[in-house]
N, C-alpha and C. Protein backbone atom coordinates (compact mmCIF):
# COMPACT_ATOMS: atom_id res chain seq x y z
N UNK A 1 76.09 75.41 139.24
CA UNK A 1 75.94 74.71 137.98
C UNK A 1 77.09 75.11 137.04
N UNK A 2 77.64 74.13 136.35
CA UNK A 2 78.72 74.38 135.40
C UNK A 2 78.20 75.14 134.19
N UNK A 3 79.08 75.94 133.60
CA UNK A 3 78.75 76.67 132.38
C UNK A 3 79.10 75.77 131.19
N UNK A 4 78.14 74.93 130.81
CA UNK A 4 78.36 73.96 129.73
C UNK A 4 78.00 74.61 128.40
N UNK A 5 78.89 74.49 127.44
CA UNK A 5 78.63 75.01 126.09
C UNK A 5 78.77 73.85 125.12
N UNK A 6 77.69 73.61 124.38
CA UNK A 6 77.72 72.57 123.35
C UNK A 6 76.55 72.78 122.41
N UNK A 7 76.64 72.15 121.26
CA UNK A 7 75.55 72.22 120.30
C UNK A 7 74.33 71.48 120.85
N UNK A 8 73.18 72.10 120.71
CA UNK A 8 71.94 71.53 121.24
C UNK A 8 71.13 70.83 120.16
N UNK A 9 70.35 69.87 120.59
CA UNK A 9 69.34 69.24 119.74
C UNK A 9 68.01 69.77 120.25
N UNK A 10 67.29 70.46 119.37
CA UNK A 10 66.04 71.13 119.73
C UNK A 10 64.93 70.58 118.85
N UNK A 11 63.77 70.32 119.46
CA UNK A 11 62.61 69.81 118.73
C UNK A 11 61.44 70.76 118.92
N UNK A 12 60.82 71.15 117.80
CA UNK A 12 59.56 71.90 117.81
C UNK A 12 58.51 70.96 117.21
N UNK A 13 57.55 70.57 118.03
CA UNK A 13 56.56 69.59 117.60
C UNK A 13 55.18 70.01 118.09
N UNK A 14 54.18 69.18 117.86
CA UNK A 14 52.83 69.43 118.33
C UNK A 14 51.90 69.88 117.21
N UNK A 15 50.60 69.88 117.50
CA UNK A 15 49.59 70.17 116.47
C UNK A 15 49.37 71.66 116.20
N UNK A 16 49.96 72.54 116.99
CA UNK A 16 49.74 73.97 116.82
C UNK A 16 50.64 74.59 115.77
N UNK A 17 50.28 75.82 115.39
CA UNK A 17 51.04 76.61 114.41
C UNK A 17 52.32 77.12 115.06
N UNK A 18 53.37 77.25 114.27
CA UNK A 18 54.55 77.96 114.74
C UNK A 18 55.84 77.18 114.84
N UNK A 19 55.85 75.93 114.42
CA UNK A 19 57.07 75.11 114.55
C UNK A 19 58.19 75.63 113.65
N UNK A 20 57.88 75.81 112.38
CA UNK A 20 58.88 76.33 111.45
C UNK A 20 59.22 77.78 111.80
N UNK A 21 58.21 78.55 112.15
CA UNK A 21 58.42 79.95 112.50
C UNK A 21 59.36 80.07 113.70
N UNK A 22 59.20 79.22 114.70
CA UNK A 22 60.09 79.24 115.86
C UNK A 22 61.52 78.89 115.45
N UNK A 23 61.67 77.92 114.57
CA UNK A 23 63.01 77.55 114.10
C UNK A 23 63.65 78.71 113.35
N UNK A 24 62.85 79.42 112.55
CA UNK A 24 63.38 80.56 111.80
C UNK A 24 63.76 81.70 112.73
N UNK A 25 63.02 81.88 113.80
CA UNK A 25 63.38 82.89 114.78
C UNK A 25 64.73 82.60 115.40
N UNK A 26 64.97 81.35 115.72
CA UNK A 26 66.28 80.95 116.25
C UNK A 26 67.36 81.16 115.19
N UNK A 27 67.03 80.86 113.95
CA UNK A 27 68.00 81.06 112.86
C UNK A 27 68.37 82.53 112.74
N UNK A 28 67.40 83.42 112.83
CA UNK A 28 67.70 84.86 112.74
C UNK A 28 68.59 85.29 113.90
N UNK A 29 68.30 84.79 115.08
CA UNK A 29 69.14 85.09 116.24
C UNK A 29 70.57 84.58 116.00
N UNK A 30 70.69 83.37 115.47
CA UNK A 30 72.01 82.79 115.22
C UNK A 30 72.79 83.62 114.20
N UNK A 31 72.14 84.01 113.11
CA UNK A 31 72.82 84.83 112.10
C UNK A 31 73.26 86.15 112.73
N UNK A 32 72.43 86.71 113.59
CA UNK A 32 72.78 87.95 114.28
C UNK A 32 74.00 87.80 115.17
N UNK A 33 74.30 86.58 115.58
CA UNK A 33 75.48 86.30 116.40
C UNK A 33 76.66 85.82 115.56
N UNK A 34 76.53 85.96 114.23
CA UNK A 34 77.64 85.61 113.35
C UNK A 34 77.71 84.15 112.98
N UNK A 35 76.65 83.40 113.28
CA UNK A 35 76.64 81.97 112.96
C UNK A 35 76.12 81.74 111.55
N UNK A 36 76.45 80.57 111.00
CA UNK A 36 75.97 80.19 109.67
C UNK A 36 74.90 79.13 109.83
N UNK A 37 73.80 79.30 109.08
CA UNK A 37 72.61 78.47 109.23
C UNK A 37 72.23 77.84 107.90
N UNK A 38 71.92 76.54 107.96
CA UNK A 38 71.35 75.83 106.81
C UNK A 38 70.00 75.27 107.24
N UNK A 39 68.96 75.57 106.47
CA UNK A 39 67.63 75.04 106.72
C UNK A 39 67.21 74.20 105.53
N UNK A 40 66.99 72.91 105.78
CA UNK A 40 66.51 71.99 104.75
C UNK A 40 65.05 71.69 105.03
N UNK A 41 64.19 72.00 104.07
CA UNK A 41 62.77 71.74 104.22
C UNK A 41 62.46 70.42 103.53
N UNK A 42 62.17 69.41 104.35
CA UNK A 42 62.05 68.04 103.85
C UNK A 42 60.88 67.82 102.92
N UNK A 43 59.75 68.45 103.13
CA UNK A 43 58.59 68.18 102.31
C UNK A 43 58.13 69.39 101.50
N UNK A 44 58.41 70.58 101.97
CA UNK A 44 57.97 71.78 101.25
C UNK A 44 58.69 71.86 99.92
N UNK A 45 57.97 72.38 98.93
CA UNK A 45 58.62 72.50 97.64
C UNK A 45 57.74 73.05 96.55
N UNK A 46 56.43 72.93 96.66
CA UNK A 46 55.58 73.35 95.56
C UNK A 46 55.07 74.77 95.71
N UNK A 47 55.10 75.32 96.90
CA UNK A 47 54.62 76.69 97.12
C UNK A 47 55.79 77.63 97.30
N UNK A 48 55.52 78.91 97.06
CA UNK A 48 56.53 79.93 97.31
C UNK A 48 56.18 80.62 98.62
N UNK A 49 57.06 80.49 99.61
CA UNK A 49 56.86 81.08 100.93
C UNK A 49 57.68 82.36 101.04
N UNK A 50 57.17 83.35 101.76
CA UNK A 50 57.86 84.62 101.92
C UNK A 50 59.25 84.49 102.49
N UNK A 51 59.45 83.50 103.37
CA UNK A 51 60.77 83.35 103.98
C UNK A 51 61.85 83.00 102.96
N UNK A 52 61.48 82.41 101.84
CA UNK A 52 62.46 82.10 100.81
C UNK A 52 63.13 83.37 100.29
N UNK A 53 62.33 84.42 100.11
CA UNK A 53 62.87 85.70 99.65
C UNK A 53 63.61 86.40 100.78
N UNK A 54 63.06 86.33 101.99
CA UNK A 54 63.65 87.05 103.12
C UNK A 54 65.06 86.59 103.43
N UNK A 55 65.31 85.29 103.40
CA UNK A 55 66.64 84.81 103.79
C UNK A 55 67.71 85.17 102.76
N UNK A 56 67.31 85.54 101.55
CA UNK A 56 68.30 85.93 100.54
C UNK A 56 69.11 87.15 100.99
N UNK A 57 68.51 87.98 101.84
CA UNK A 57 69.21 89.17 102.34
C UNK A 57 70.43 88.80 103.19
N UNK A 58 70.47 87.57 103.70
CA UNK A 58 71.57 87.14 104.55
C UNK A 58 72.72 86.50 103.77
N UNK A 59 72.59 86.41 102.46
CA UNK A 59 73.65 85.83 101.64
C UNK A 59 73.93 84.40 102.04
N UNK A 60 75.20 84.06 102.18
CA UNK A 60 75.56 82.68 102.50
C UNK A 60 75.55 82.40 104.00
N UNK A 61 75.08 83.34 104.82
CA UNK A 61 74.98 83.13 106.27
C UNK A 61 73.73 82.34 106.64
N UNK A 62 72.71 82.37 105.78
CA UNK A 62 71.46 81.66 106.05
C UNK A 62 70.94 81.14 104.71
N UNK A 63 71.09 79.85 104.50
CA UNK A 63 70.65 79.19 103.27
C UNK A 63 69.43 78.35 103.58
N UNK A 64 68.41 78.45 102.75
CA UNK A 64 67.20 77.65 102.90
C UNK A 64 66.96 76.91 101.58
N UNK A 65 66.76 75.59 101.69
CA UNK A 65 66.52 74.78 100.50
C UNK A 65 65.23 73.98 100.66
N UNK A 66 64.34 74.10 99.68
CA UNK A 66 63.15 73.26 99.65
C UNK A 66 63.54 71.96 98.95
N UNK A 67 63.38 70.85 99.66
CA UNK A 67 63.87 69.57 99.15
C UNK A 67 62.75 68.64 98.70
N UNK A 68 61.50 69.04 98.86
CA UNK A 68 60.38 68.17 98.50
C UNK A 68 59.55 68.74 97.37
N UNK A 69 58.40 68.08 97.14
CA UNK A 69 57.50 68.53 96.09
C UNK A 69 56.29 69.27 96.65
N UNK A 70 56.14 69.25 97.96
CA UNK A 70 54.97 69.88 98.55
C UNK A 70 54.14 68.85 99.28
N UNK A 71 52.87 68.81 99.00
CA UNK A 71 51.97 67.91 99.72
C UNK A 71 52.29 66.45 99.43
N UNK A 72 52.27 65.65 100.48
CA UNK A 72 52.61 64.23 100.39
C UNK A 72 51.37 63.41 100.73
N UNK A 73 51.12 62.37 99.95
CA UNK A 73 49.99 61.49 100.23
C UNK A 73 50.30 60.64 101.46
N UNK A 74 49.37 60.63 102.41
CA UNK A 74 49.55 59.84 103.63
C UNK A 74 48.26 59.10 103.94
N UNK A 75 48.29 58.36 105.03
CA UNK A 75 47.10 57.61 105.43
C UNK A 75 47.10 56.24 104.79
N UNK A 76 45.96 55.88 104.20
CA UNK A 76 45.83 54.55 103.59
C UNK A 76 46.78 54.39 102.41
N UNK A 77 47.04 55.51 101.73
CA UNK A 77 47.95 55.46 100.58
C UNK A 77 49.40 55.50 101.06
N UNK A 78 50.23 54.74 100.42
CA UNK A 78 51.67 54.80 100.73
C UNK A 78 52.24 56.03 100.04
N UNK A 79 53.26 56.64 100.65
CA UNK A 79 53.88 57.79 100.00
C UNK A 79 54.42 57.41 98.63
N UNK A 80 54.37 58.35 97.73
CA UNK A 80 54.88 58.17 96.38
C UNK A 80 56.38 57.87 96.46
N UNK A 81 56.87 56.90 95.70
CA UNK A 81 58.31 56.57 95.72
C UNK A 81 59.20 57.78 95.42
N UNK A 82 58.71 58.70 94.60
CA UNK A 82 59.49 59.91 94.29
C UNK A 82 59.64 60.78 95.54
N UNK A 83 58.57 60.87 96.35
CA UNK A 83 58.66 61.64 97.59
C UNK A 83 59.64 60.99 98.56
N UNK A 84 59.62 59.67 98.62
CA UNK A 84 60.57 58.96 99.48
C UNK A 84 61.99 59.21 99.02
N UNK A 85 62.22 59.16 97.71
CA UNK A 85 63.55 59.42 97.16
C UNK A 85 64.00 60.83 97.53
N UNK A 86 63.09 61.80 97.46
CA UNK A 86 63.44 63.18 97.78
C UNK A 86 63.75 63.35 99.27
N UNK A 87 63.00 62.67 100.13
CA UNK A 87 63.28 62.70 101.57
C UNK A 87 64.65 62.09 101.85
N UNK A 88 64.95 60.97 101.21
CA UNK A 88 66.26 60.34 101.41
C UNK A 88 67.38 61.25 100.95
N UNK A 89 67.17 61.97 99.85
CA UNK A 89 68.18 62.91 99.36
C UNK A 89 68.34 64.08 100.34
N UNK A 90 67.23 64.56 100.88
CA UNK A 90 67.29 65.65 101.87
C UNK A 90 68.04 65.18 103.11
N UNK A 91 67.76 63.95 103.55
CA UNK A 91 68.45 63.43 104.73
C UNK A 91 69.95 63.28 104.45
N UNK A 92 70.31 62.77 103.28
CA UNK A 92 71.72 62.62 102.94
C UNK A 92 72.42 63.98 102.96
N UNK A 93 71.76 64.99 102.42
CA UNK A 93 72.35 66.34 102.44
C UNK A 93 72.45 66.87 103.86
N UNK A 94 71.41 66.63 104.66
CA UNK A 94 71.42 67.08 106.05
C UNK A 94 72.51 66.42 106.87
N UNK A 95 72.65 65.12 106.69
CA UNK A 95 73.68 64.40 107.44
C UNK A 95 75.08 64.87 107.03
N UNK A 96 75.27 65.08 105.74
CA UNK A 96 76.57 65.58 105.26
C UNK A 96 76.82 66.98 105.81
N UNK A 97 75.80 67.84 105.79
CA UNK A 97 75.95 69.21 106.26
C UNK A 97 76.28 69.26 107.75
N UNK A 98 75.69 68.33 108.52
CA UNK A 98 75.92 68.27 109.95
C UNK A 98 77.41 68.07 110.26
N UNK A 99 78.10 67.33 109.42
CA UNK A 99 79.50 66.98 109.66
C UNK A 99 80.48 67.80 108.81
N UNK A 100 79.95 68.73 108.01
CA UNK A 100 80.80 69.45 107.06
C UNK A 100 81.70 70.51 107.69
N UNK A 101 81.34 70.97 108.88
CA UNK A 101 82.08 72.06 109.49
C UNK A 101 81.70 73.42 108.93
N UNK A 102 80.77 73.44 108.00
CA UNK A 102 80.36 74.67 107.33
C UNK A 102 79.22 75.39 108.07
N UNK A 103 78.46 74.67 108.90
CA UNK A 103 77.25 75.22 109.51
C UNK A 103 77.31 75.15 111.03
N UNK A 104 76.81 76.21 111.67
CA UNK A 104 76.71 76.23 113.13
C UNK A 104 75.33 75.74 113.59
N UNK A 105 74.32 75.98 112.76
CA UNK A 105 72.94 75.59 113.06
C UNK A 105 72.36 74.92 111.83
N UNK A 106 71.83 73.74 112.01
CA UNK A 106 71.16 72.99 110.94
C UNK A 106 69.70 72.81 111.34
N UNK A 107 68.80 73.28 110.50
CA UNK A 107 67.37 73.11 110.74
C UNK A 107 66.85 72.06 109.77
N UNK A 108 66.28 71.00 110.33
CA UNK A 108 65.69 69.91 109.54
C UNK A 108 64.18 70.09 109.63
N UNK A 109 63.66 70.98 108.78
CA UNK A 109 62.26 71.38 108.82
C UNK A 109 61.37 70.28 108.27
N UNK A 110 60.36 69.92 109.06
CA UNK A 110 59.38 68.88 108.71
C UNK A 110 59.94 67.47 108.69
N UNK A 111 61.11 67.28 109.25
CA UNK A 111 61.68 65.93 109.28
C UNK A 111 60.81 64.99 110.11
N UNK A 112 60.15 65.53 111.15
CA UNK A 112 59.29 64.67 111.98
C UNK A 112 58.15 64.08 111.17
N UNK A 113 57.61 64.86 110.22
CA UNK A 113 56.57 64.31 109.33
C UNK A 113 57.14 63.17 108.50
N UNK A 114 58.32 63.38 107.93
CA UNK A 114 58.92 62.35 107.08
C UNK A 114 59.10 61.05 107.86
N UNK A 115 59.47 61.17 109.14
CA UNK A 115 59.62 59.97 109.97
C UNK A 115 58.27 59.34 110.27
N UNK A 116 57.30 60.17 110.67
CA UNK A 116 55.95 59.69 110.98
C UNK A 116 55.32 58.98 109.79
N UNK A 117 55.54 59.50 108.59
CA UNK A 117 54.96 58.92 107.38
C UNK A 117 55.71 57.68 106.89
N UNK A 118 56.76 57.27 107.61
CA UNK A 118 57.50 56.07 107.24
C UNK A 118 58.44 56.28 106.07
N UNK A 119 58.80 57.53 105.80
CA UNK A 119 59.67 57.84 104.67
C UNK A 119 61.14 57.88 105.09
N UNK A 120 61.38 57.92 106.40
CA UNK A 120 62.73 58.02 106.93
C UNK A 120 62.75 57.30 108.27
N UNK A 121 63.80 56.53 108.52
CA UNK A 121 63.92 55.73 109.74
C UNK A 121 64.41 56.59 110.90
N UNK A 122 63.62 56.65 111.97
CA UNK A 122 63.98 57.43 113.15
C UNK A 122 65.31 56.98 113.74
N UNK A 123 65.57 55.68 113.73
CA UNK A 123 66.82 55.16 114.31
C UNK A 123 68.04 55.71 113.57
N UNK A 124 67.93 55.87 112.28
CA UNK A 124 69.01 56.41 111.46
C UNK A 124 69.28 57.87 111.86
N UNK A 125 68.22 58.62 112.09
CA UNK A 125 68.34 60.03 112.47
C UNK A 125 68.96 60.14 113.87
N UNK A 126 68.46 59.34 114.80
CA UNK A 126 68.98 59.36 116.18
C UNK A 126 70.46 59.02 116.18
N UNK A 127 70.86 58.00 115.45
CA UNK A 127 72.27 57.60 115.40
C UNK A 127 73.14 58.73 114.88
N UNK A 128 72.68 59.41 113.84
CA UNK A 128 73.46 60.54 113.29
C UNK A 128 73.54 61.69 114.28
N UNK A 129 72.43 61.97 114.97
CA UNK A 129 72.42 63.05 115.95
C UNK A 129 73.39 62.75 117.11
N UNK A 130 73.48 61.49 117.49
CA UNK A 130 74.41 61.12 118.56
C UNK A 130 75.86 61.34 118.15
N UNK A 131 76.14 61.33 116.85
CA UNK A 131 77.51 61.47 116.34
C UNK A 131 77.80 62.87 115.79
N UNK A 132 76.87 63.80 115.98
CA UNK A 132 77.07 65.14 115.42
C UNK A 132 78.26 65.82 116.10
N UNK A 133 78.92 66.73 115.40
CA UNK A 133 80.01 67.47 116.02
C UNK A 133 79.51 68.21 117.27
N UNK A 134 80.38 68.35 118.23
CA UNK A 134 79.99 68.86 119.54
C UNK A 134 79.33 70.24 119.52
N UNK A 135 79.77 71.14 118.67
CA UNK A 135 79.25 72.51 118.71
C UNK A 135 78.19 72.81 117.65
N UNK A 136 77.73 71.81 116.91
CA UNK A 136 76.67 72.03 115.92
C UNK A 136 75.31 71.91 116.61
N UNK A 137 74.47 72.92 116.39
CA UNK A 137 73.10 72.91 116.89
C UNK A 137 72.20 72.34 115.79
N UNK A 138 71.19 71.55 116.18
CA UNK A 138 70.26 70.98 115.21
C UNK A 138 68.84 71.18 115.73
N UNK A 139 67.96 71.72 114.87
CA UNK A 139 66.55 71.86 115.19
C UNK A 139 65.76 70.96 114.26
N UNK A 140 64.86 70.17 114.84
CA UNK A 140 63.98 69.27 114.07
C UNK A 140 62.55 69.75 114.28
N UNK A 141 61.80 69.94 113.18
CA UNK A 141 60.43 70.41 113.30
C UNK A 141 59.44 69.41 112.71
N UNK A 142 58.19 69.61 113.06
CA UNK A 142 57.08 68.80 112.53
C UNK A 142 56.32 68.12 113.65
N UNK A 143 55.06 67.85 113.38
CA UNK A 143 54.20 67.18 114.35
C UNK A 143 54.70 65.77 114.65
N UNK A 144 54.24 65.26 115.77
CA UNK A 144 54.44 63.85 116.13
C UNK A 144 55.92 63.44 116.15
N UNK A 145 56.74 64.22 116.80
CA UNK A 145 58.16 63.86 116.91
C UNK A 145 58.27 62.46 117.51
N UNK A 146 59.15 61.67 116.96
CA UNK A 146 59.34 60.28 117.40
C UNK A 146 59.85 60.27 118.84
N UNK A 147 59.35 59.35 119.67
CA UNK A 147 59.77 59.31 121.09
C UNK A 147 61.29 59.21 121.28
N UNK A 148 61.99 58.52 120.40
CA UNK A 148 63.44 58.40 120.57
C UNK A 148 64.15 59.73 120.29
N UNK A 149 63.58 60.53 119.42
CA UNK A 149 64.14 61.85 119.15
C UNK A 149 63.85 62.78 120.32
N UNK A 150 62.64 62.71 120.86
CA UNK A 150 62.29 63.51 122.04
C UNK A 150 63.22 63.16 123.20
N UNK A 151 63.47 61.89 123.39
CA UNK A 151 64.34 61.44 124.49
C UNK A 151 65.76 61.98 124.33
N UNK A 152 66.28 61.98 123.12
CA UNK A 152 67.64 62.43 122.85
C UNK A 152 67.78 63.95 122.93
N UNK A 153 66.73 64.67 122.59
CA UNK A 153 66.79 66.14 122.48
C UNK A 153 67.12 66.80 123.81
N UNK A 154 67.75 67.97 123.70
CA UNK A 154 68.04 68.79 124.88
C UNK A 154 66.83 69.65 125.24
N UNK A 155 66.14 70.17 124.24
CA UNK A 155 64.99 71.04 124.43
C UNK A 155 63.89 70.60 123.49
N UNK A 156 62.69 70.42 124.04
CA UNK A 156 61.53 70.04 123.23
C UNK A 156 60.39 71.00 123.57
N UNK A 157 59.82 71.61 122.54
CA UNK A 157 58.67 72.48 122.71
C UNK A 157 57.53 71.91 121.89
N UNK A 158 56.38 71.79 122.55
CA UNK A 158 55.19 71.30 121.85
C UNK A 158 54.24 72.46 121.64
N UNK A 159 53.98 72.77 120.36
CA UNK A 159 53.01 73.81 120.02
C UNK A 159 51.61 73.21 120.14
N UNK A 160 50.75 73.89 120.86
CA UNK A 160 49.38 73.42 121.06
C UNK A 160 48.44 74.47 120.50
N UNK A 161 47.55 74.05 119.63
CA UNK A 161 46.58 74.98 119.07
C UNK A 161 45.46 75.23 120.06
N UNK A 162 45.24 76.48 120.40
CA UNK A 162 44.12 76.86 121.24
C UNK A 162 42.95 77.24 120.34
N UNK A 163 43.23 78.06 119.33
CA UNK A 163 42.25 78.34 118.28
C UNK A 163 43.00 78.85 117.07
N UNK A 164 42.38 78.77 115.91
CA UNK A 164 43.01 79.18 114.67
C UNK A 164 41.97 79.86 113.79
N UNK A 165 42.37 80.91 113.11
CA UNK A 165 41.46 81.65 112.24
C UNK A 165 40.81 80.76 111.19
N UNK A 166 41.51 79.72 110.75
CA UNK A 166 40.99 78.80 109.74
C UNK A 166 39.66 78.18 110.17
N UNK A 167 39.51 77.98 111.48
CA UNK A 167 38.27 77.40 112.01
C UNK A 167 37.06 78.30 111.76
N UNK A 168 37.29 79.60 111.53
CA UNK A 168 36.23 80.56 111.24
C UNK A 168 36.11 80.81 109.74
N UNK A 169 36.83 80.01 108.95
CA UNK A 169 36.77 80.16 107.50
C UNK A 169 37.76 81.16 106.93
N UNK A 170 38.65 81.70 107.76
CA UNK A 170 39.66 82.65 107.29
C UNK A 170 40.79 81.86 106.63
N UNK A 171 41.05 82.17 105.38
CA UNK A 171 42.08 81.45 104.64
C UNK A 171 43.48 81.87 105.10
N UNK A 172 44.48 81.09 104.72
CA UNK A 172 45.88 81.39 105.05
C UNK A 172 46.22 82.79 104.54
N UNK A 173 46.90 83.55 105.37
CA UNK A 173 47.22 84.94 105.06
C UNK A 173 48.68 85.09 104.63
N UNK A 174 48.87 85.83 103.52
CA UNK A 174 50.20 86.11 103.02
C UNK A 174 50.98 86.85 104.10
N UNK A 175 52.21 86.44 104.35
CA UNK A 175 53.05 87.07 105.35
C UNK A 175 52.85 86.50 106.75
N UNK A 176 51.82 85.72 106.96
CA UNK A 176 51.57 85.09 108.25
C UNK A 176 51.75 83.57 108.16
N UNK A 177 51.05 82.92 107.24
CA UNK A 177 51.19 81.48 107.08
C UNK A 177 52.14 81.09 105.95
N UNK A 178 52.38 81.99 105.04
CA UNK A 178 53.31 81.66 103.93
C UNK A 178 54.00 82.91 103.47
């Protein structure tokens, strides 16, 4: 087998816990190898997560930006136009960052939700991923990854929930879920 080196497209999806956490683990590994990482969180924005403070220790080697307002209305209700505007702004920044030459790893956290909720066109994302610079790695997280993104990806991991403490009434724990 040839020793092929190129930027990978990685998807963390599925109903289980750990999609963002897995992406952050890869980010820590990348920073440890001297790479520069940008993580754009498409929907998170209203809560303060521990990882926001933790990545500050890495200076400009690992930047994390919350680009949303937090919880988004879905289902019968259409997403708020402001949330759509924020997703579009996050995508514009992500697409620009992908081609900037400034980042080795780009994490598009919760982008799969934005696509599933109809806030971002999957075809637009796929087209940009096909044109990404050869050595840039991209990780896309969130449930229900679009089939065209799964098809394009090099590596896809589906998190499956076997059981969760929440089912026993245990609330989200500081340092574990946020």
